[in-house]
């Protein structure tokens, strides 16, 4: 996966603008959480760029950027969880899951219908 590190609050403005052109994925990760590591590994292991099309993939390290996670929660009205994945399309969250509900096949289906 080609992660874009989400570590500046100003990136949220660009992320929103980009979501009007193509879907955007955000993965919120805690390096202190074994469930988060497992969900990330499973997603990266199954990810096939040719199956999901053009999508920006943002990676948020919660230990260093919890303030950005709080802004995401407020902006999109989606409660914070960790790990958590969100798909933003045209400025709105069209999919979000956490923990072991993070599933590549469901993400792929959502992206194909976006």
PDB file of N, CA and C in Angstrom:
ATOM      1  N   UNK A   1       0.847  -1.179   0.000  1.00  0.00           N
ATOM      2  CA  UNK A   1       0.000   0.000   0.000  1.00  0.00           C
ATOM      3  C   UNK A   1       0.887   1.235   0.000  1.00  0.00           C
ATOM      4  N   UNK A   2       0.411   2.268  -0.613  1.00  0.00           N
ATOM      5  CA  UNK A   2       1.156   3.517  -0.700  1.00  0.00           C
ATOM      6  C   UNK A   2       0.600   4.518   0.308  1.00  0.00           C
ATOM      7  N   UNK A   3       1.002   4.364   1.559  1.00  0.00           N
ATOM      8  CA  UNK A   3       0.466   5.200   2.627  1.00  0.00           C
ATOM      9  C   UNK A   3       0.959   6.633   2.513  1.00  0.00           C
ATOM     10  N   UNK A   4       0.037   7.554   2.744  1.00  0.00           N
ATOM     11  CA  UNK A   4       0.361   8.962   2.928  1.00  0.00           C
ATOM     12  C   UNK A   4       0.232   9.204   4.429  1.00  0.00           C
ATOM     13  N   UNK A   5       1.298   9.607   5.076  1.00  0.00           N
ATOM     14  CA  UNK A   5       1.228   9.838   6.519  1.00  0.00           C
ATOM     15  C   UNK A   5       0.378  11.063   6.793  1.00  0.00           C
ATOM     16  N   UNK A   6      -0.609  10.864   7.633  1.00  0.00           N
ATOM     17  CA  UNK A   6      -1.513  11.951   8.031  1.00  0.00           C
ATOM     18  C   UNK A   6      -1.009  12.474   9.365  1.00  0.00           C
ATOM     19  N   UNK A   7      -0.221  13.560   9.302  1.00  0.00           N
ATOM     20  CA  UNK A   7       0.370  14.060  10.534  1.00  0.00           C
ATOM     21  C   UNK A   7       0.264  15.574  10.683  1.00  0.00           C
ATOM     22  N   UNK A   8      -0.515  16.207   9.815  1.00  0.00           N
ATOM     23  CA  UNK A   8      -0.751  17.647   9.932  1.00  0.00           C
ATOM     24  C   UNK A   8      -2.250  17.911   9.776  1.00  0.00           C
ATOM     25  N   UNK A   9      -2.837  18.664  10.673  1.00  0.00           N
ATOM     26  CA  UNK A   9      -4.276  18.948  10.571  1.00  0.00           C
ATOM     27  C   UNK A   9      -4.677  19.570   9.234  1.00  0.00           C
ATOM     28  N   UNK A  10      -3.759  20.322   8.608  1.00  0.00           N
ATOM     29  CA  UNK A  10      -4.062  20.959   7.330  1.00  0.00           C
ATOM     30  C   UNK A  10      -4.314  19.925   6.227  1.00  0.00           C
ATOM     31  N   UNK A  11      -3.792  18.721   6.391  1.00  0.00           N
ATOM     32  CA  UNK A  11      -4.004  17.677   5.395  1.00  0.00           C
ATOM     33  C   UNK A  11      -5.477  17.288   5.279  1.00  0.00           C
ATOM     34  N   UNK A  12      -6.244  17.514   6.327  1.00  0.00           N
ATOM     35  CA  UNK A  12      -7.666  17.172   6.279  1.00  0.00           C
ATOM     36  C   UNK A  12      -8.394  17.997   5.229  1.00  0.00           C
ATOM     37  N   UNK A  13      -7.986  19.243   5.043  1.00  0.00           N
ATOM     38  CA  UNK A  13      -8.583  20.093   4.013  1.00  0.00           C
ATOM     39  C   UNK A  13      -8.309  19.503   2.634  1.00  0.00           C
ATOM     40  N   UNK A  14      -7.073  19.090   2.401  1.00  0.00           N
ATOM     41  CA  UNK A  14      -6.714  18.489   1.117  1.00  0.00           C
ATOM     42  C   UNK A  14      -7.414  17.148   0.927  1.00  0.00           C
ATOM     43  N   UNK A  15      -7.476  16.362   1.984  1.00  0.00           N
ATOM     44  CA  UNK A  15      -8.148  15.072   1.938  1.00  0.00           C
ATOM     45  C   UNK A  15      -9.608  15.245   1.515  1.00  0.00           C
ATOM     46  N   UNK A  16     -10.286  16.217   2.098  1.00  0.00           N
ATOM     47  CA  UNK A  16     -11.687  16.489   1.738  1.00  0.00           C
ATOM     48  C   UNK A  16     -11.814  16.894   0.268  1.00  0.00           C
ATOM     49  N   UNK A  17     -10.931  17.761  -0.175  1.00  0.00           N
ATOM     50  CA  UNK A  17     -10.965  18.194  -1.574  1.00  0.00           C
ATOM     51  C   UNK A  17     -10.706  17.012  -2.504  1.00  0.00           C
ATOM     52  N   UNK A  18      -9.726  16.180  -2.168  1.00  0.00           N
ATOM     53  CA  UNK A  18      -9.403  15.017  -2.992  1.00  0.00           C
ATOM     54  C   UNK A  18     -10.558  14.027  -3.054  1.00  0.00           C
ATOM     55  N   UNK A  19     -11.338  13.944  -1.978  1.00  0.00           N
ATOM     56  CA  UNK A  19     -12.455  12.989  -1.952  1.00  0.00           C
ATOM     57  C   UNK A  19     -13.544  13.345  -2.958  1.00  0.00           C
ATOM     58  N   UNK A  20     -13.517  14.565  -3.487  1.00  0.00           N
ATOM     59  CA  UNK A  20     -14.468  14.937  -4.539  1.00  0.00           C
ATOM     60  C   UNK A  20     -14.042  14.381  -5.900  1.00  0.00           C
ATOM     61  N   UNK A  21     -12.771  14.008  -6.015  1.00  0.00           N
ATOM     62  CA  UNK A  21     -12.239  13.443  -7.263  1.00  0.00           C
ATOM     63  C   UNK A  21     -12.179  11.920  -7.231  1.00  0.00           C
ATOM     64  N   UNK A  22     -11.920  11.375  -6.051  1.00  0.00           N
ATOM     65  CA  UNK A  22     -11.762   9.926  -5.887  1.00  0.00           C
ATOM     66  C   UNK A  22     -11.935   9.602  -4.398  1.00  0.00           C
ATOM     67  N   UNK A  23     -12.313   8.375  -4.073  1.00  0.00           N
ATOM     68  CA  UNK A  23     -12.439   8.007  -2.659  1.00  0.00           C
ATOM     69  C   UNK A  23     -11.087   8.085  -1.941  1.00  0.00           C
ATOM     70  N   UNK A  24     -11.159   8.317  -0.647  1.00  0.00           N
ATOM     71  CA  UNK A  24      -9.978   8.419   0.204  1.00  0.00           C
ATOM     72  C   UNK A  24     -10.156   7.449   1.369  1.00  0.00           C
ATOM     73  N   UNK A  25      -9.113   6.698   1.668  1.00  0.00           N
ATOM     74  CA  UNK A  25      -9.132   5.765   2.795  1.00  0.00           C
ATOM     75  C   UNK A  25      -8.274   6.333   3.916  1.00  0.00           C
ATOM     76  N   UNK A  26      -8.763   6.234   5.134  1.00  0.00           N
ATOM     77  CA  UNK A  26      -7.989   6.623   6.323  1.00  0.00           C
ATOM     78  C   UNK A  26      -7.889   5.390   7.217  1.00  0.00           C
ATOM     79  N   UNK A  27      -6.668   5.038   7.608  1.00  0.00           N
ATOM     80  CA  UNK A  27      -6.466   3.954   8.567  1.00  0.00           C
ATOM     81  C   UNK A  27      -5.877   4.558   9.830  1.00  0.00           C
ATOM     82  N   UNK A  28      -6.601   4.422  10.934  1.00  0.00           N
ATOM     83  CA  UNK A  28      -6.154   4.931  12.232  1.00  0.00           C
ATOM     84  C   UNK A  28      -5.534   3.765  13.004  1.00  0.00           C
ATOM     85  N   UNK A  29      -4.259   3.917  13.340  1.00  0.00           N
ATOM     86  CA  UNK A  29      -3.469   2.819  13.893  1.00  0.00           C
ATOM     87  C   UNK A  29      -2.805   3.196  15.209  1.00  0.00           C
ATOM     88  N   UNK A  30      -2.842   2.254  16.141  1.00  0.00           N
ATOM     89  CA  UNK A  30      -2.093   2.402  17.387  1.00  0.00           C
ATOM     90  C   UNK A  30      -1.021   1.331  17.440  1.00  0.00           C
ATOM     91  N   UNK A  31       0.225   1.758  17.479  1.00  0.00           N
ATOM     92  CA  UNK A  31       1.336   0.804  17.504  1.00  0.00           C
ATOM     93  C   UNK A  31       1.426   0.054  18.836  1.00  0.00           C
ATOM     94  N   UNK A  32       0.683   0.469  19.828  1.00  0.00           N
ATOM     95  CA  UNK A  32       0.667  -0.231  21.122  1.00  0.00           C
ATOM     96  C   UNK A  32      -0.404  -1.314  21.192  1.00  0.00           C
ATOM     97  N   UNK A  33      -1.170  -1.477  20.118  1.00  0.00           N
ATOM     98  CA  UNK A  33      -2.320  -2.388  20.144  1.00  0.00           C
ATOM     99  C   UNK A  33      -2.095  -3.562  19.189  1.00  0.00           C
ATOM    100  N   UNK A  34      -2.122  -4.771  19.717  1.00  0.00           N
ATOM    101  CA  UNK A  34      -1.896  -5.950  18.878  1.00  0.00           C
ATOM    102  C   UNK A  34      -3.044  -6.161  17.882  1.00  0.00           C
ATOM    103  N   UNK A  35      -4.254  -5.772  18.241  1.00  0.00           N
ATOM    104  CA  UNK A  35      -5.380  -5.891  17.310  1.00  0.00           C
ATOM    105  C   UNK A  35      -5.173  -4.936  16.135  1.00  0.00           C
ATOM    106  N   UNK A  36      -4.699  -3.736  16.425  1.00  0.00           N
ATOM    107  CA  UNK A  36      -4.430  -2.775  15.375  1.00  0.00           C
ATOM    108  C   UNK A  36      -3.355  -3.301  14.424  1.00  0.00           C
ATOM    109  N   UNK A  37      -2.302  -3.870  14.969  1.00  0.00           N
ATOM    110  CA  UNK A  37      -1.226  -4.438  14.143  1.00  0.00           C
ATOM    111  C   UNK A  37      -1.769  -5.567  13.265  1.00  0.00           C
ATOM    112  N   UNK A  38      -2.588  -6.433  13.842  1.00  0.00           N
ATOM    113  CA  UNK A  38      -3.149  -7.555  13.084  1.00  0.00           C
ATOM    114  C   UNK A  38      -4.069  -7.070  11.967  1.00  0.00           C
ATOM    115  N   UNK A  39      -4.910  -6.077  12.255  1.00  0.00           N
ATOM    116  CA  UNK A  39      -5.822  -5.536  11.238  1.00  0.00           C
ATOM    117  C   UNK A  39      -5.041  -4.877  10.106  1.00  0.00           C
ATOM    118  N   UNK A  40      -4.005  -4.136  10.455  1.00  0.00           N
ATOM    119  CA  UNK A  40      -3.170  -3.490   9.447  1.00  0.00           C
ATOM    120  C   UNK A  40      -2.453  -4.535   8.591  1.00  0.00           C
ATOM    121  N   UNK A  41      -1.862  -5.525   9.214  1.00  0.00           N
ATOM    122  CA  UNK A  41      -1.162  -6.584   8.473  1.00  0.00           C
ATOM    123  C   UNK A  41      -2.111  -7.295   7.519  1.00  0.00           C
ATOM    124  N   UNK A  42      -3.297  -7.611   8.001  1.00  0.00           N
ATOM    125  CA  UNK A  42      -4.278  -8.319   7.166  1.00  0.00           C
ATOM    126  C   UNK A  42      -4.698  -7.464   5.976  1.00  0.00           C
ATOM    127  N   UNK A  43      -4.915  -6.176   6.213  1.00  0.00           N
ATOM    128  CA  UNK A  43      -5.297  -5.276   5.128  1.00  0.00           C
ATOM    129  C   UNK A  43      -4.168  -5.160   4.105  1.00  0.00           C
ATOM    130  N   UNK A  44      -2.958  -4.938   4.567  1.00  0.00           N
ATOM    131  CA  UNK A  44      -1.827  -4.784   3.647  1.00  0.00           C
ATOM    132  C   UNK A  44      -1.541  -6.078   2.876  1.00  0.00           C
ATOM    133  N   UNK A  45      -1.700  -7.199   3.516  1.00  0.00           N
ATOM    134  CA  UNK A  45      -1.445  -8.490   2.878  1.00  0.00           C
ATOM    135  C   UNK A  45      -2.449  -8.770   1.751  1.00  0.00           C
ATOM    136  N   UNK A  46      -3.680  -8.323   1.917  1.00  0.00           N
ATOM    137  CA  UNK A  46      -4.729  -8.606   0.937  1.00  0.00           C
ATOM    138  C   UNK A  46      -4.911  -7.515  -0.118  1.00  0.00           C
ATOM    139  N   UNK A  47      -4.376  -6.335   0.123  1.00  0.00           N
ATOM    140  CA  UNK A  47      -4.610  -5.174  -0.739  1.00  0.00           C
ATOM    141  C   UNK A  47      -4.096  -5.423  -2.153  1.00  0.00           C
ATOM    142  N   UNK A  48      -4.945  -5.169  -3.126  1.00  0.00           N
ATOM    143  CA  UNK A  48      -4.573  -5.270  -4.536  1.00  0.00           C
ATOM    144  C   UNK A  48      -5.023  -3.986  -5.221  1.00  0.00           C
ATOM    145  N   UNK A  49      -4.061  -3.144  -5.552  1.00  0.00           N
ATOM    146  CA  UNK A  49      -4.358  -1.823  -6.113  1.00  0.00           C
ATOM    147  C   UNK A  49      -5.214  -1.919  -7.374  1.00  0.00           C
ATOM    148  N   UNK A  50      -4.986  -2.941  -8.187  1.00  0.00           N
ATOM    149  CA  UNK A  50      -5.759  -3.065  -9.425  1.00  0.00           C
ATOM    150  C   UNK A  50      -7.224  -3.412  -9.161  1.00  0.00           C
ATOM    151  N   UNK A  51      -7.539  -3.919  -7.985  1.00  0.00           N
ATOM    152  CA  UNK A  51      -8.926  -4.251  -7.651  1.00  0.00           C
ATOM    153  C   UNK A  51      -9.703  -3.076  -7.070  1.00  0.00           C
ATOM    154  N   UNK A  52      -9.010  -2.126  -6.471  1.00  0.00           N
ATOM    155  CA  UNK A  52      -9.712  -1.028  -5.790  1.00  0.00           C
ATOM    156  C   UNK A  52      -9.696   0.275  -6.571  1.00  0.00           C
ATOM    157  N   UNK A  53      -8.891   0.351  -7.599  1.00  0.00           N
ATOM    158  CA  UNK A  53      -8.828   1.572  -8.390  1.00  0.00           C
ATOM    159  C   UNK A  53      -7.996   2.640  -7.701  1.00  0.00           C
ATOM    160  N   UNK A  54      -8.104   3.846  -8.230  1.00  0.00           N
ATOM    161  CA  UNK A  54      -7.313   4.950  -7.691  1.00  0.00           C
ATOM    162  C   UNK A  54      -7.931   5.442  -6.390  1.00  0.00           C
ATOM    163  N   UNK A  55      -7.163   5.354  -5.337  1.00  0.00           N
ATOM    164  CA  UNK A  55      -7.613   5.789  -4.017  1.00  0.00           C
ATOM    165  C   UNK A  55      -6.399   6.249  -3.220  1.00  0.00           C
ATOM    166  N   UNK A  56      -6.521   7.400  -2.577  1.00  0.00           N
ATOM    167  CA  UNK A  56      -5.469   7.856  -1.677  1.00  0.00           C
ATOM    168  C   UNK A  56      -5.624   7.107  -0.363  1.00  0.00           C
ATOM    169  N   UNK A  57      -4.502   6.680   0.192  1.00  0.00           N
ATOM    170  CA  UNK A  57      -4.499   5.878   1.413  1.00  0.00           C
ATOM    171  C   UNK A  57      -3.727   6.623   2.495  1.00  0.00           C
ATOM    172  N   UNK A  58      -4.470   7.147   3.463  1.00  0.00           N
ATOM    173  CA  UNK A  58      -3.869   7.918   4.551  1.00  0.00           C
ATOM    174  C   UNK A  58      -3.696   7.039   5.778  1.00  0.00           C
ATOM    175  N   UNK A  59      -2.540   7.159   6.413  1.00  0.00           N
ATOM    176  CA  UNK A  59      -2.201   6.402   7.608  1.00  0.00           C
ATOM    177  C   UNK A  59      -2.038   7.371   8.768  1.00  0.00           C
ATOM    178  N   UNK A  60      -2.824   7.182   9.808  1.00  0.00           N
ATOM    179  CA  UNK A  60      -2.771   8.050  10.983  1.00  0.00           C
ATOM    180  C   UNK A  60      -2.219   7.276  12.169  1.00  0.00           C
ATOM    181  N   UNK A  61      -1.062   7.690  12.659  1.00  0.00           N
ATOM    182  CA  UNK A  61      -0.450   7.124  13.862  1.00  0.00           C
ATOM    183  C   UNK A  61      -1.084   7.816  15.062  1.00  0.00           C
ATOM    184  N   UNK A  62      -1.909   7.085  15.768  1.00  0.00           N
ATOM    185  CA  UNK A  62      -2.662   7.685  16.867  1.00  0.00           C
ATOM    186  C   UNK A  62      -1.789   8.143  18.031  1.00  0.00           C
ATOM    187  N   UNK A  63      -0.660   7.503  18.231  1.00  0.00           N
ATOM    188  CA  UNK A  63       0.184   7.886  19.361  1.00  0.00           C
ATOM    189  C   UNK A  63       0.811   9.260  19.162  1.00  0.00           C
ATOM    190  N   UNK A  64       1.077   9.612  17.921  1.00  0.00           N
ATOM    191  CA  UNK A  64       1.690  10.915  17.684  1.00  0.00           C
ATOM    192  C   UNK A  64       0.701  11.967  17.186  1.00  0.00           C
ATOM    193  N   UNK A  65      -0.496  11.550  16.776  1.00  0.00           N
ATOM    194  CA  UNK A  65      -1.436  12.509  16.173  1.00  0.00           C
ATOM    195  C   UNK A  65      -2.873  12.298  16.638  1.00  0.00           C
ATOM    196  N   UNK A  66      -3.064  12.108  17.923  1.00  0.00           N
ATOM    197  CA  UNK A  66      -4.420  11.894  18.437  1.00  0.00           C
ATOM    198  C   UNK A  66      -5.305  13.114  18.180  1.00  0.00           C
ATOM    199  N   UNK A  67      -4.718  14.302  18.148  1.00  0.00           N
ATOM    200  CA  UNK A  67      -5.497  15.508  17.881  1.00  0.00           C
ATOM    201  C   UNK A  67      -6.145  15.458  16.495  1.00  0.00           C
ATOM    202  N   UNK A  68      -5.457  14.873  15.525  1.00  0.00           N
ATOM    203  CA  UNK A  68      -6.030  14.743  14.186  1.00  0.00           C
ATOM    204  C   UNK A  68      -7.175  13.746  14.205  1.00  0.00           C
ATOM    205  N   UNK A  69      -7.035  12.681  14.964  1.00  0.00           N
ATOM    206  CA  UNK A  69      -8.128  11.718  15.109  1.00  0.00           C
ATOM    207  C   UNK A  69      -9.361  12.391  15.702  1.00  0.00           C
ATOM    208  N   UNK A  70      -9.141  13.247  16.682  1.00  0.00           N
ATOM    209  CA  UNK A  70     -10.260  13.985  17.278  1.00  0.00           C
ATOM    210  C   UNK A  70     -10.932  14.884  16.245  1.00  0.00           C
ATOM    211  N   UNK A  71     -10.132  15.498  15.378  1.00  0.00           N
ATOM    212  CA  UNK A  71     -10.696  16.346  14.326  1.00  0.00           C
ATOM    213  C   UNK A  71     -11.491  15.513  13.320  1.00  0.00           C
ATOM    214  N   UNK A  72     -10.995  14.329  13.001  1.00  0.00           N
ATOM    215  CA  UNK A  72     -11.713  13.425  12.093  1.00  0.00           C
ATOM    216  C   UNK A  72     -13.054  13.043  12.703  1.00  0.00           C
ATOM    217  N   UNK A  73     -13.040  12.731  13.992  1.00  0.00           N
ATOM    218  CA  UNK A  73     -14.271  12.369  14.703  1.00  0.00           C
ATOM    219  C   UNK A  73     -15.292  13.501  14.612  1.00  0.00           C
ATOM    220  N   UNK A  74     -14.851  14.710  14.843  1.00  0.00           N
ATOM    221  CA  UNK A  74     -15.743  15.866  14.810  1.00  0.00           C
ATOM    222  C   UNK A  74     -16.199  16.187  13.384  1.00  0.00           C
ATOM    223  N   UNK A  75     -15.285  16.148  12.447  1.00  0.00           N
ATOM    224  CA  UNK A  75     -15.580  16.493  11.064  1.00  0.00           C
ATOM    225  C   UNK A  75     -16.584  15.535  10.428  1.00  0.00           C
ATOM    226  N   UNK A  76     -16.402  14.235  10.677  1.00  0.00           N
ATOM    227  CA  UNK A  76     -17.225  13.231  10.011  1.00  0.00           C
ATOM    228  C   UNK A  76     -18.303  12.619  10.907  1.00  0.00           C
ATOM    229  N   UNK A  77     -18.327  13.025  12.185  1.00  0.00           N
ATOM    230  CA  UNK A  77     -19.326  12.510  13.123  1.00  0.00           C
ATOM    231  C   UNK A  77     -19.281  10.979  13.233  1.00  0.00           C
ATOM    232  N   UNK A  78     -18.052  10.452  13.296  1.00  0.00           N
ATOM    233  CA  UNK A  78     -17.821   9.023  13.468  1.00  0.00           C
ATOM    234  C   UNK A  78     -16.989   8.853  14.731  1.00  0.00           C
ATOM    235  N   UNK A  79     -17.517   8.129  15.707  1.00  0.00           N
ATOM    236  CA  UNK A  79     -16.802   7.931  16.964  1.00  0.00           C
ATOM    237  C   UNK A  79     -15.423   7.332  16.727  1.00  0.00           C
ATOM    238  N   UNK A  80     -14.452   7.812  17.499  1.00  0.00           N
ATOM    239  CA  UNK A  80     -13.083   7.316  17.416  1.00  0.00           C
ATOM    240  C   UNK A  80     -13.008   5.882  17.911  1.00  0.00           C
ATOM    241  N   UNK A  81     -12.293   5.054  17.150  1.00  0.00           N
ATOM    242  CA  UNK A  81     -11.939   3.705  17.587  1.00  0.00           C
ATOM    243  C   UNK A  81     -10.544   3.426  17.071  1.00  0.00           C
ATOM    244  N   UNK A  82      -9.942   2.375  17.601  1.00  0.00           N
ATOM    245  CA  UNK A  82      -8.607   1.998  17.157  1.00  0.00           C
ATOM    246  C   UNK A  82      -8.456   0.482  17.256  1.00  0.00           C
ATOM    247  N   UNK A  83      -8.062  -0.109  16.148  1.00  0.00           N
ATOM    248  CA  UNK A  83      -7.852   0.463  14.828  1.00  0.00           C
ATOM    249  C   UNK A  83      -9.190   0.817  14.181  1.00  0.00           C
ATOM    250  N   UNK A  84      -9.106   1.664  13.188  1.00  0.00           N
ATOM    251  CA  UNK A  84     -10.323   2.088  12.496  1.00  0.00           C
ATOM    252  C   UNK A  84      -9.975   2.435  11.056  1.00  0.00           C
ATOM    253  N   UNK A  85     -10.887   2.103  10.154  1.00  0.00           N
ATOM    254  CA  UNK A  85     -10.732   2.467   8.756  1.00  0.00           C
ATOM    255  C   UNK A  85     -11.977   3.231   8.322  1.00  0.00           C
ATOM    256  N   UNK A  86     -11.749   4.288   7.554  1.00  0.00           N
ATOM    257  CA  UNK A  86     -12.855   5.083   7.010  1.00  0.00           C
ATOM    258  C   UNK A  86     -12.616   5.266   5.521  1.00  0.00           C
ATOM    259  N   UNK A  87     -13.700   5.262   4.754  1.00  0.00           N
ATOM    260  CA  UNK A  87     -13.634   5.646   3.348  1.00  0.00           C
ATOM    261  C   UNK A  87     -14.461   6.911   3.214  1.00  0.00           C
ATOM    262  N   UNK A  88     -13.833   7.946   2.662  1.00  0.00           N
ATOM    263  CA  UNK A  88     -14.474   9.240   2.459  1.00  0.00           C
ATOM    264  C   UNK A  88     -14.661   9.421   0.954  1.00  0.00           C
ATOM    265  N   UNK A  89     -15.887   9.718   0.551  1.00  0.00           N
ATOM    266  CA  UNK A  89     -16.192   9.961  -0.850  1.00  0.00           C
ATOM    267  C   UNK A  89     -17.080  11.192  -0.938  1.00  0.00           C
ATOM    268  N   UNK A  90     -16.659  12.150  -1.736  1.00  0.00           N
ATOM    269  CA  UNK A  90     -17.391  13.405  -1.911  1.00  0.00           C
ATOM    270  C   UNK A  90     -17.682  14.097  -0.572  1.00  0.00           C
ATOM    271  N   UNK A  91     -16.670  14.056   0.306  1.00  0.00           N
ATOM    272  CA  UNK A  91     -16.748  14.765   1.572  1.00  0.00           C
ATOM    273  C   UNK A  91     -17.494  14.058   2.689  1.00  0.00           C
ATOM    274  N   UNK A  92     -17.988  12.848   2.424  1.00  0.00           N
ATOM    275  CA  UNK A  92     -18.755  12.117   3.438  1.00  0.00           C
ATOM    276  C   UNK A  92     -18.168  10.722   3.664  1.00  0.00           C
ATOM    277  N   UNK A  93     -18.261  10.254   4.897  1.00  0.00           N
ATOM    278  CA  UNK A  93     -17.828   8.895   5.198  1.00  0.00           C
ATOM    279  C   UNK A  93     -18.891   7.946   4.669  1.00  0.00           C
ATOM    280  N   UNK A  94     -18.475   7.063   3.762  1.00  0.00           N
ATOM    281  CA  UNK A  94     -19.417   6.088   3.201  1.00  0.00           C
ATOM    282  C   UNK A  94     -19.206   4.700   3.796  1.00  0.00           C
ATOM    283  N   UNK A  95     -18.138   4.546   4.578  1.00  0.00           N
ATOM    284  CA  UNK A  95     -17.829   3.246   5.178  1.00  0.00           C
ATOM    285  C   UNK A  95     -16.889   3.478   6.344  1.00  0.00           C
ATOM    286  N   UNK A  96     -17.155   2.809   7.450  1.00  0.00           N
ATOM    287  CA  UNK A  96     -16.192   2.823   8.558  1.00  0.00           C
ATOM    288  C   UNK A  96     -16.357   1.557   9.369  1.00  0.00           C
ATOM    289  N   UNK A  97     -15.240   1.004   9.756  1.00  0.00           N
ATOM    290  CA  UNK A  97     -15.223  -0.206  10.567  1.00  0.00           C
ATOM    291  C   UNK A  97     -14.031  -0.128  11.514  1.00  0.00           C
ATOM    292  N   UNK A  98     -14.096  -0.959  12.545  1.00  0.00           N
ATOM    293  CA  UNK A  98     -12.986  -1.001  13.489  1.00  0.00           C
ATOM    294  C   UNK A  98     -12.659  -2.445  13.861  1.00  0.00           C
ATOM    295  N   UNK A  99     -11.516  -2.582  14.476  1.00  0.00           N
ATOM    296  CA  UNK A  99     -11.023  -3.849  14.983  1.00  0.00           C
ATOM    297  C   UNK A  99     -11.071  -4.928  13.894  1.00  0.00           C
ATOM    298  N   UNK A 100     -11.589  -6.112  14.226  1.00  0.00           N
ATOM    299  CA  UNK A 100     -11.576  -7.205  13.253  1.00  0.00           C
ATOM    300  C   UNK A 100     -12.720  -7.137  12.251  1.00  0.00           C
ATOM    301  N   UNK A 101     -13.500  -6.066  12.296  1.00  0.00           N
ATOM    302  CA  UNK A 101     -14.491  -5.838  11.243  1.00  0.00           C
ATOM    303  C   UNK A 101     -13.843  -5.189  10.022  1.00  0.00           C
ATOM    304  N   UNK A 102     -12.585  -4.802  10.133  1.00  0.00           N
ATOM    305  CA  UNK A 102     -11.855  -4.248   8.993  1.00  0.00           C
ATOM    306  C   UNK A 102     -11.555  -5.411   8.057  1.00  0.00           C
ATOM    307  N   UNK A 103     -12.187  -5.378   6.887  1.00  0.00           N
ATOM    308  CA  UNK A 103     -12.126  -6.504   5.972  1.00  0.00           C
ATOM    309  C   UNK A 103     -11.886  -5.999   4.547  1.00  0.00           C
ATOM    310  N   UNK A 104     -10.853  -6.502   3.918  1.00  0.00           N
ATOM    311  CA  UNK A 104     -10.500  -6.046   2.579  1.00  0.00           C
ATOM    312  C   UNK A 104     -11.646  -6.250   1.583  1.00  0.00           C
ATOM    313  N   UNK A 105     -12.288  -7.404   1.621  1.00  0.00           N
ATOM    314  CA  UNK A 105     -13.360  -7.672   0.652  1.00  0.00           C
ATOM    315  C   UNK A 105     -14.492  -6.657   0.765  1.00  0.00           C
ATOM    316  N   UNK A 106     -14.855  -6.287   1.985  1.00  0.00           N
ATOM    317  CA  UNK A 106     -15.905  -5.279   2.169  1.00  0.00           C
ATOM    318  C   UNK A 106     -15.435  -3.899   1.710  1.00  0.00           C
ATOM    319  N   UNK A 107     -14.188  -3.573   1.991  1.00  0.00           N
ATOM    320  CA  UNK A 107     -13.628  -2.313   1.505  1.00  0.00           C
ATOM    321  C   UNK A 107     -13.663  -2.272  -0.023  1.00  0.00           C
ATOM    322  N   UNK A 108     -13.223  -3.354  -0.641  1.00  0.00           N
ATOM    323  CA  UNK A 108     -13.197  -3.435  -2.105  1.00  0.00           C
ATOM    324  C   UNK A 108     -14.600  -3.259  -2.694  1.00  0.00           C
ATOM    325  N   UNK A 109     -15.580  -3.926  -2.106  1.00  0.00           N
ATOM    326  CA  UNK A 109     -16.957  -3.790  -2.579  1.00  0.00           C
ATOM    327  C   UNK A 109     -17.462  -2.359  -2.462  1.00  0.00           C
ATOM    328  N   UNK A 110     -17.160  -1.730  -1.341  1.00  0.00           N
ATOM    329  CA  UNK A 110     -17.569  -0.350  -1.135  1.00  0.00           C
ATOM    330  C   UNK A 110     -16.918   0.576  -2.147  1.00  0.00           C
ATOM    331  N   UNK A 111     -15.636   0.365  -2.405  1.00  0.00           N
ATOM    332  CA  UNK A 111     -14.910   1.204  -3.345  1.00  0.00           C
ATOM    333  C   UNK A 111     -15.409   1.015  -4.780  1.00  0.00           C
ATOM    334  N   UNK A 112     -15.769  -0.194  -5.133  1.00  0.00           N
ATOM    335  CA  UNK A 112     -16.267  -0.452  -6.491  1.00  0.00           C
ATOM    336  C   UNK A 112     -17.615   0.214  -6.727  1.00  0.00           C
ATOM    337  N   UNK A 113     -18.395   0.371  -5.659  1.00  0.00           N
ATOM    338  CA  UNK A 113     -19.716   0.983  -5.820  1.00  0.00           C
ATOM    339  C   UNK A 113     -19.688   2.493  -5.618  1.00  0.00           C
ATOM    340  N   UNK A 114     -18.529   3.033  -5.209  1.00  0.00           N
ATOM    341  CA  UNK A 114     -18.418   4.483  -4.962  1.00  0.00           C
ATOM    342  C   UNK A 114     -18.331   5.262  -6.271  1.00  0.00           C
TER     343      UNK A 114
END
